[in-house]
Amino acid sequence: MHPDQPSLRWDGEAIVTLDQRALPHERRLLRLTTVDDVIAAITTLAVRGAPSIGLAGALGVVLSAYAHCSPGTGDTGWEAVRADARRLASARPTAVNLAWAVDRVLTKLTDGPDAVLAEATVMIDEDRSVNRQMVDHAVRAVLDRCPQRSLRILTHCNTGRLATAAVGTALGTILALAEAGKVTEVLVDETRPLLQGARLTAWELAEADVPHRVCVDSAAAAAMSQGLVDCVLVGADRITARGDVANKIGTYALAIAAAHHGIPFIVVAPESSWDRSLADGRDIVIEERDADEVTSYGGIRTTPLGTRAYNPAFDVTPASLISAIVSEHGVHSPSEVTA
C-alpha cells in the first residue's frame, strides 16, 4: 500500500476500505453500501483515525443521498438524509472531524446526490494534499528541536495512511524523516486496549522498512529515562481553542513523562481537528467504550466475572505540556494558540 494510495474510496455505488480490525494478518477489503454499514464500521474501528472517519462519514451521507433523493422526493428526501447525517456524526463523539465532514457535505444536499459525492471526493483529495503540507511543516518542527542527529522517535496509536485519506499525520512525518535518513529507530506504543500501535503502526513501518520496536504503553516513560527517545510524535482527535489536545488514551501520560525528561512532544493534526468553539479540554466529550475491550483479550476473558472497567477511548493533554502543534498552516506553539 503506497503512502499516497487512498485508504478509502468510492467505487460507484459503495465505499471500499481496508478492514483495520483484520490487520496485520489479513488484508481484507470492506464494501460499505448503507449508512448502517458505515456506522458499524466506525463504531467497531474497522475504519478509524480522525481524518478517515470524517471522510467515511461524508461518504455515508453520499450513500444516504442516493438512497433517499431520487427525482421528486424534494424536502422529504432531504430530511431523511439529514436524519442519517445526525446518526453518522454521533457514531464517535470525541473526534471533531466526523461532524465537520458530515456537515460540510450536507451543504451540497439541495443540489442533489451527485453534488454531495463531488464534495466528498474533493475532501478526499484535499486530505491527501493537507497531509503532505502538514508533514513538511512537522519535519521542520522536529529537526528544529532535534538538529544534527539521527532520531529515536516514540509514537502512540496509529496516525499513518490508515488513519487518513493518504500520507498520514504524525506517522507520515516519521516516514518522511526516515526517508531523509533522519531516523535511527521508532518505538511504537502497543496502544492498549485495541493495539492500534502494535497491529497497525508496526505494519506500516514494516512496509516502509523503517527500524522499529513495539513496547507496552507503560514502558514508554522508562524508555525516556534510559535515553531511548529524542522526540514524541502523536496525532489528535480534537484540539481546543487554547491548544488542549484530545488523543488516544495514554497520550497524556506520555506528555507528562516527556516534559519531565525534557523531550519535545509534538502534535501533528489537520485544521479540521481544531474545535475553537471549546475553550479548553474540560469541555471535550470523552468516548467511553465497552468494558469487554479491557476485561477480555483476543476473545478470552482475563478478569473475574462481574469485573467492571474504566475504558475511555481518549484523554486530554493540556497545552502546557505540548512543545508544538503542527497543522497544514504551520507550526504553532501553545503560547500562540488563541481563540
Protein backbone atom coordinates (compact mmCIF):
# COMPACT_ATOMS: atom_id res chain seq x y z
CA MET A 1 0.00 0.00 0.00
CA HIS A 2 1.72 3.18 -1.23
CA PRO A 3 1.63 6.21 1.13
CA ASP A 4 -0.30 8.20 -1.49
CA GLN A 5 -2.82 5.41 -2.20
CA PRO A 6 -6.24 6.33 -0.72
CA SER A 7 -7.21 4.32 2.36
CA LEU A 8 -10.85 4.54 1.32
CA ARG A 9 -12.59 5.24 -1.99
CA TRP A 10 -15.94 5.43 -3.74
CA ASP A 11 -16.40 2.67 -6.33
CA GLY A 12 -19.54 3.99 -7.99
CA GLU A 13 -22.11 2.70 -5.51
CA ALA A 14 -20.26 1.84 -2.30
CA ILE A 15 -17.36 2.80 -0.02
CA VAL A 16 -14.38 0.48 -0.28
CA THR A 17 -11.80 0.44 2.53
CA LEU A 18 -9.39 -1.83 4.35
CA ASP A 19 -10.86 -3.52 7.42
CA GLN A 20 -8.41 -2.35 10.09
CA ARG A 21 -9.67 -4.99 12.53
CA ALA A 22 -8.10 -7.70 10.34
CA LEU A 23 -4.62 -6.18 10.11
CA PRO A 24 -1.79 -7.10 10.27
CA HIS A 25 -2.55 -10.73 9.47
CA GLU A 26 -5.17 -10.27 6.77
CA ARG A 27 -5.62 -7.57 4.15
CA ARG A 28 -9.42 -7.66 3.96
CA LEU A 29 -11.47 -5.17 1.99
CA LEU A 30 -14.81 -3.89 3.28
CA ARG A 31 -17.55 -2.76 0.93
CA LEU A 32 -19.99 -0.45 2.73
CA THR A 33 -23.29 0.01 0.92
CA THR A 34 -25.58 1.52 3.58
CA VAL A 35 -25.43 4.14 6.29
CA ASP A 36 -25.77 1.39 8.88
CA ASP A 37 -22.71 -0.31 7.35
CA VAL A 38 -20.72 2.91 7.73
CA ILE A 39 -21.82 3.47 11.33
CA ALA A 40 -20.93 -0.12 12.23
CA ALA A 41 -17.51 0.21 10.57
CA ILE A 42 -16.78 3.41 12.51
CA THR A 43 -18.01 2.21 15.90
CA THR A 44 -16.18 -1.14 15.66
CA LEU A 45 -12.98 0.59 14.46
CA ALA A 46 -12.93 -1.17 11.11
CA VAL A 47 -12.49 2.41 9.95
CA ARG A 48 -10.61 4.60 12.42
CA GLY A 49 -8.38 7.64 12.68
CA ALA A 50 -9.97 11.09 12.92
CA PRO A 51 -9.50 12.13 9.26
CA SER A 52 -10.57 8.71 7.96
CA ILE A 53 -13.76 8.54 9.98
CA GLY A 54 -14.60 12.04 8.82
CA LEU A 55 -14.23 11.02 5.19
CA ALA A 56 -16.19 7.81 5.81
CA GLY A 57 -18.95 9.89 7.39
CA ALA A 58 -19.01 12.20 4.36
CA LEU A 59 -19.31 9.22 2.02
CA GLY A 60 -22.01 7.82 4.30
CA VAL A 61 -24.03 10.95 3.57
CA VAL A 62 -23.44 10.23 -0.13
CA LEU A 63 -24.96 6.75 0.31
CA SER A 64 -27.95 8.25 2.07
CA ALA A 65 -28.43 10.93 -0.59
CA TYR A 66 -28.53 8.37 -3.39
CA ALA A 67 -30.91 6.20 -1.35
CA HIS A 68 -33.40 8.96 -0.47
CA CYS A 69 -33.11 11.72 -3.03
CA SER A 70 -34.43 10.31 -6.25
CA PRO A 71 -36.15 12.88 -8.52
CA GLY A 72 -39.32 14.24 -6.99
CA THR A 73 -38.60 13.44 -3.33
CA GLY A 74 -37.68 17.06 -2.52
CA ASP A 75 -37.77 18.05 1.16
CA THR A 76 -38.88 14.58 2.25
CA GLY A 77 -35.69 13.03 0.91
CA TRP A 78 -33.55 15.79 2.37
CA GLU A 79 -34.95 15.25 5.85
CA ALA A 80 -34.20 11.52 5.66
CA VAL A 81 -30.60 12.30 4.69
CA ARG A 82 -30.26 14.82 7.50
CA ALA A 83 -31.50 12.21 9.96
CA ASP A 84 -28.88 9.76 8.68
CA ALA A 85 -26.27 12.51 8.93
CA ARG A 86 -27.08 13.03 12.62
CA ARG A 87 -26.60 9.31 13.23
CA LEU A 88 -23.29 9.32 11.39
CA ALA A 89 -21.99 12.39 13.22
CA SER A 90 -22.73 10.83 16.62
CA ALA A 91 -21.08 7.47 15.86
CA ARG A 92 -17.93 8.58 17.73
CA PRO A 93 -18.32 11.75 19.79
CA THR A 94 -14.73 12.82 20.55
CA ALA A 95 -13.21 13.23 17.08
CA VAL A 96 -14.46 16.54 15.69
CA ASN A 97 -13.52 15.60 12.09
CA LEU A 98 -16.57 13.35 11.82
CA ALA A 99 -19.20 16.03 12.47
CA TRP A 100 -17.17 18.57 10.47
CA ALA A 101 -17.05 16.36 7.38
CA VAL A 102 -20.72 15.34 7.61
CA ASP A 103 -21.80 18.98 7.96
CA ARG A 104 -19.65 20.05 5.04
CA VAL A 105 -21.13 17.61 2.52
CA LEU A 106 -24.64 18.37 3.78
CA THR A 107 -24.26 21.91 2.43
CA LYS A 108 -24.48 20.39 -1.07
CA LEU A 109 -27.56 18.28 -0.40
CA THR A 110 -30.09 20.60 -2.04
CA ASP A 111 -28.06 20.38 -5.27
CA GLY A 112 -28.59 16.61 -5.40
CA PRO A 113 -26.65 13.40 -4.67
CA ASP A 114 -24.07 13.98 -7.40
CA ALA A 115 -23.13 17.30 -5.79
CA VAL A 116 -22.77 15.60 -2.39
CA LEU A 117 -20.48 12.98 -3.95
CA ALA A 118 -18.44 15.65 -5.71
CA GLU A 119 -17.85 17.46 -2.41
CA ALA A 120 -16.83 14.24 -0.64
CA THR A 121 -14.41 13.46 -3.47
CA VAL A 122 -12.88 16.93 -3.17
CA MET A 123 -12.45 16.34 0.56
CA ILE A 124 -10.52 13.11 -0.05
CA ASP A 125 -8.19 14.91 -2.45
CA GLU A 126 -7.85 17.81 -0.01
CA ASP A 127 -6.93 15.48 2.84
CA ARG A 128 -4.10 13.99 0.81
CA SER A 129 -2.79 17.47 -0.04
CA VAL A 130 -3.25 18.78 3.51
CA ASN A 131 -1.30 15.84 4.91
CA ARG A 132 1.63 16.49 2.60
CA GLN A 133 1.75 20.14 3.69
CA MET A 134 1.41 19.18 7.34
CA VAL A 135 4.20 16.61 7.12
CA ASP A 136 6.54 19.17 5.53
CA HIS A 137 5.91 21.57 8.42
CA ALA A 138 6.23 18.81 11.01
CA VAL A 139 9.56 17.56 9.64
CA ARG A 140 10.95 21.08 10.02
CA ALA A 141 9.48 21.34 13.54
CA VAL A 142 11.19 18.10 14.59
CA LEU A 143 14.55 18.98 13.03
CA ASP A 144 14.49 22.46 14.57
CA ARG A 145 14.13 20.87 18.01
CA CYS A 146 16.40 17.86 17.41
CA PRO A 147 19.09 19.06 14.99
CA GLN A 148 22.15 17.26 13.67
CA ARG A 149 21.41 13.74 14.73
CA SER A 150 19.54 10.64 13.68
CA LEU A 151 16.48 10.33 15.86
CA ARG A 152 14.85 7.83 18.17
CA ILE A 153 11.16 8.68 17.96
CA LEU A 154 8.30 7.41 20.10
CA THR A 155 4.73 7.39 18.79
CA HIS A 156 1.34 6.31 20.09
CA CYS A 157 -1.68 4.76 18.36
CA ASN A 158 -1.79 4.90 14.53
CA THR A 159 -1.53 8.13 12.57
CA GLY A 160 -0.43 6.94 9.14
CA ARG A 161 -2.22 6.45 5.86
CA LEU A 162 -4.65 4.02 7.51
CA ALA A 163 -5.92 6.88 9.68
CA THR A 164 -6.20 9.42 6.85
CA ALA A 165 -7.01 9.52 3.15
CA ALA A 166 -3.30 9.04 2.46
CA VAL A 167 0.20 10.01 3.72
CA GLY A 168 -0.69 10.35 7.42
CA THR A 169 -0.07 12.91 10.16
CA ALA A 170 2.42 12.02 12.93
CA LEU A 171 3.37 8.70 11.33
CA GLY A 172 3.54 10.38 7.94
CA THR A 173 6.09 12.73 9.49
CA ILE A 174 8.10 9.81 10.85
CA LEU A 175 8.15 8.13 7.44
CA ALA A 176 9.29 11.36 5.79
CA LEU A 177 12.07 11.73 8.37
CA ALA A 178 13.10 8.12 7.77
CA GLU A 179 13.20 8.67 4.01
CA ALA A 180 15.55 11.60 4.65
CA GLY A 181 17.84 9.35 6.70
CA LYS A 182 16.97 11.03 9.99
CA VAL A 183 15.53 8.07 11.94
CA THR A 184 17.54 5.51 13.89
CA GLU A 185 14.54 3.74 15.41
CA VAL A 186 10.86 4.19 16.16
CA LEU A 187 9.44 2.99 19.46
CA VAL A 188 5.77 2.09 18.95
CA ASP A 189 3.45 2.02 21.94
CA GLU A 190 1.23 -1.05 21.58
CA THR A 191 -1.72 1.25 22.42
CA ARG A 192 -3.99 -0.76 24.68
CA PRO A 193 -6.63 -1.99 24.67
CA LEU A 194 -7.07 -2.49 20.91
CA LEU A 195 -3.38 -2.43 19.93
CA GLN A 196 -3.54 0.09 17.11
CA GLY A 197 0.19 0.66 17.54
CA ALA A 198 1.23 -2.98 17.65
CA ARG A 199 -1.12 -4.03 14.84
CA LEU A 200 -1.27 -1.02 12.53
CA THR A 201 1.66 1.34 13.10
CA ALA A 202 4.15 -1.54 13.23
CA TRP A 203 2.60 -2.85 9.99
CA GLU A 204 3.04 0.50 8.23
CA LEU A 205 6.61 0.87 9.49
CA ALA A 206 7.48 -2.67 8.39
CA GLU A 207 6.06 -2.00 4.92
CA ALA A 208 8.27 1.09 4.71
CA ASP A 209 11.30 -0.82 6.07
CA VAL A 210 11.79 1.62 8.97
CA PRO A 211 13.60 0.19 12.06
CA HIS A 212 11.15 -0.09 14.94
CA ARG A 213 10.30 -1.88 18.15
CA VAL A 214 6.95 -2.28 19.89
CA CYS A 215 6.75 -1.60 23.61
CA VAL A 216 3.95 -1.86 26.14
CA ASP A 217 2.44 1.54 26.87
CA SER A 218 3.73 1.51 30.43
CA ALA A 219 7.35 1.12 29.20
CA ALA A 220 7.41 4.48 27.41
CA ALA A 221 8.48 6.53 30.42
CA ALA A 222 11.23 4.02 31.21
CA ALA A 223 12.46 4.28 27.62
CA MET A 224 12.68 8.05 28.02
CA SER A 225 14.62 7.69 31.26
CA GLN A 226 17.09 5.39 29.51
CA GLY A 227 17.76 7.91 26.74
CA LEU A 228 15.98 5.89 24.07
CA VAL A 229 13.66 8.71 22.96
CA ASP A 230 14.61 12.03 21.34
CA CYS A 231 11.13 13.16 20.36
CA VAL A 232 7.48 12.12 20.82
CA LEU A 233 5.13 12.49 17.85
CA VAL A 234 1.36 11.96 18.14
CA GLY A 235 -1.83 12.91 16.35
CA ALA A 236 -5.06 14.45 17.67
CA ASP A 237 -8.79 13.86 17.53
CA ARG A 238 -9.85 17.29 18.81
CA ILE A 239 -7.92 20.45 19.67
CA THR A 240 -9.49 23.25 21.71
CA ALA A 241 -9.12 27.00 21.29
CA ARG A 242 -6.28 27.19 23.80
CA GLY A 243 -4.46 24.16 22.42
CA ASP A 244 -5.53 21.35 24.73
CA VAL A 245 -5.48 18.10 22.76
CA ALA A 246 -7.72 15.04 22.92
CA ASN A 247 -5.98 11.96 21.58
CA LYS A 248 -5.87 8.20 22.14
CA ILE A 249 -5.87 7.19 25.80
CA GLY A 250 -2.30 7.15 27.10
CA THR A 251 -1.21 10.33 25.32
CA TYR A 252 -1.47 12.47 28.47
CA ALA A 253 0.86 10.13 30.36
CA LEU A 254 3.40 10.33 27.54
CA ALA A 255 3.28 14.13 27.62
CA ILE A 256 3.90 14.19 31.37
CA ALA A 257 6.87 11.84 31.01
CA ALA A 258 8.27 13.79 28.07
CA ALA A 259 8.02 17.08 29.98
CA HIS A 260 9.82 15.53 32.96
CA HIS A 261 12.67 14.34 30.75
CA GLY A 262 12.88 17.50 28.61
CA ILE A 263 11.86 15.69 25.42
CA PRO A 264 9.96 17.56 22.66
CA PHE A 265 6.31 16.50 22.48
CA ILE A 266 4.81 17.40 19.09
CA VAL A 267 1.21 17.03 17.94
CA VAL A 268 0.52 16.72 14.20
CA ALA A 269 -3.12 17.19 13.13
CA PRO A 270 -5.08 18.97 10.39
CA GLU A 271 -7.06 22.16 10.82
CA SER A 272 -10.23 20.03 10.72
CA SER A 273 -9.24 18.61 14.13
CA TRP A 274 -9.49 22.06 15.75
CA ASP A 275 -12.67 22.89 17.61
CA ARG A 276 -12.36 26.54 18.60
CA SER A 277 -15.90 26.52 19.97
CA LEU A 278 -14.40 24.77 23.02
CA ALA A 279 -12.35 26.93 25.35
CA ASP A 280 -10.30 24.13 26.87
CA GLY A 281 -10.03 20.41 27.37
CA ARG A 282 -12.61 20.27 30.15
CA ASP A 283 -15.30 20.81 27.50
CA ILE A 284 -14.34 17.80 25.38
CA VAL A 285 -16.73 14.83 25.50
CA ILE A 286 -14.63 11.69 26.02
CA GLU A 287 -15.98 8.50 24.47
CA GLU A 288 -16.14 5.52 26.82
CA ARG A 289 -16.07 2.15 25.13
CA ASP A 290 -17.30 -1.32 26.04
CA ALA A 291 -15.81 -2.97 29.13
CA ASP A 292 -15.13 -6.16 27.12
CA GLU A 293 -12.23 -4.40 25.40
CA VAL A 294 -10.46 -4.31 28.79
CA THR A 295 -11.82 -7.35 30.60
CA SER A 296 -11.07 -9.69 27.68
CA TYR A 297 -8.15 -10.19 25.32
CA GLY A 298 -8.45 -11.92 21.95
CA GLY A 299 -11.91 -13.10 22.90
CA ILE A 300 -10.68 -14.68 26.15
CA ARG A 301 -11.80 -13.20 29.46
CA THR A 302 -8.83 -12.07 31.56
CA THR A 303 -10.69 -10.74 34.61
CA PRO A 304 -13.09 -12.35 37.08
CA LEU A 305 -16.72 -12.41 36.01
CA GLY A 306 -18.50 -9.24 37.06
CA THR A 307 -15.38 -7.07 36.98
CA ARG A 308 -16.18 -3.56 35.80
CA ALA A 309 -13.85 -1.49 33.60
CA TYR A 310 -12.83 2.11 33.10
CA ASN A 311 -12.30 2.31 29.34
CA PRO A 312 -12.07 5.87 27.99
CA ALA A 313 -11.01 5.89 24.35
CA PHE A 314 -9.20 9.23 24.71
CA ASP A 315 -7.61 11.55 27.21
CA VAL A 316 -6.81 15.27 27.16
CA THR A 317 -3.28 16.67 27.17
CA PRO A 318 -3.11 20.31 28.33
CA ALA A 319 -1.38 22.82 26.08
CA SER A 320 1.24 23.47 28.76
CA LEU A 321 2.75 20.02 28.11
CA ILE A 322 2.90 20.38 24.31
CA SER A 323 6.02 21.67 22.55
CA ALA A 324 4.28 22.37 19.25
CA ILE A 325 1.07 21.70 17.36
CA VAL A 326 1.55 21.32 13.61
CA SER A 327 -1.19 21.71 11.01
CA GLU A 328 -1.19 22.38 7.28
CA HIS A 329 -0.94 26.08 8.19
CA GLY A 330 2.37 25.69 10.00
CA VAL A 331 3.84 25.20 13.45
CA HIS A 332 2.08 26.67 16.49
CA SER A 333 3.50 26.94 19.98
CA PRO A 334 0.99 26.76 22.85
CA SER A 335 1.59 30.42 23.66
CA GLU A 336 0.47 31.37 20.12
CA VAL A 337 -2.78 29.38 20.24
CA THR A 338 -5.78 31.62 20.89
CA ALA A 339 -9.49 31.50 20.25
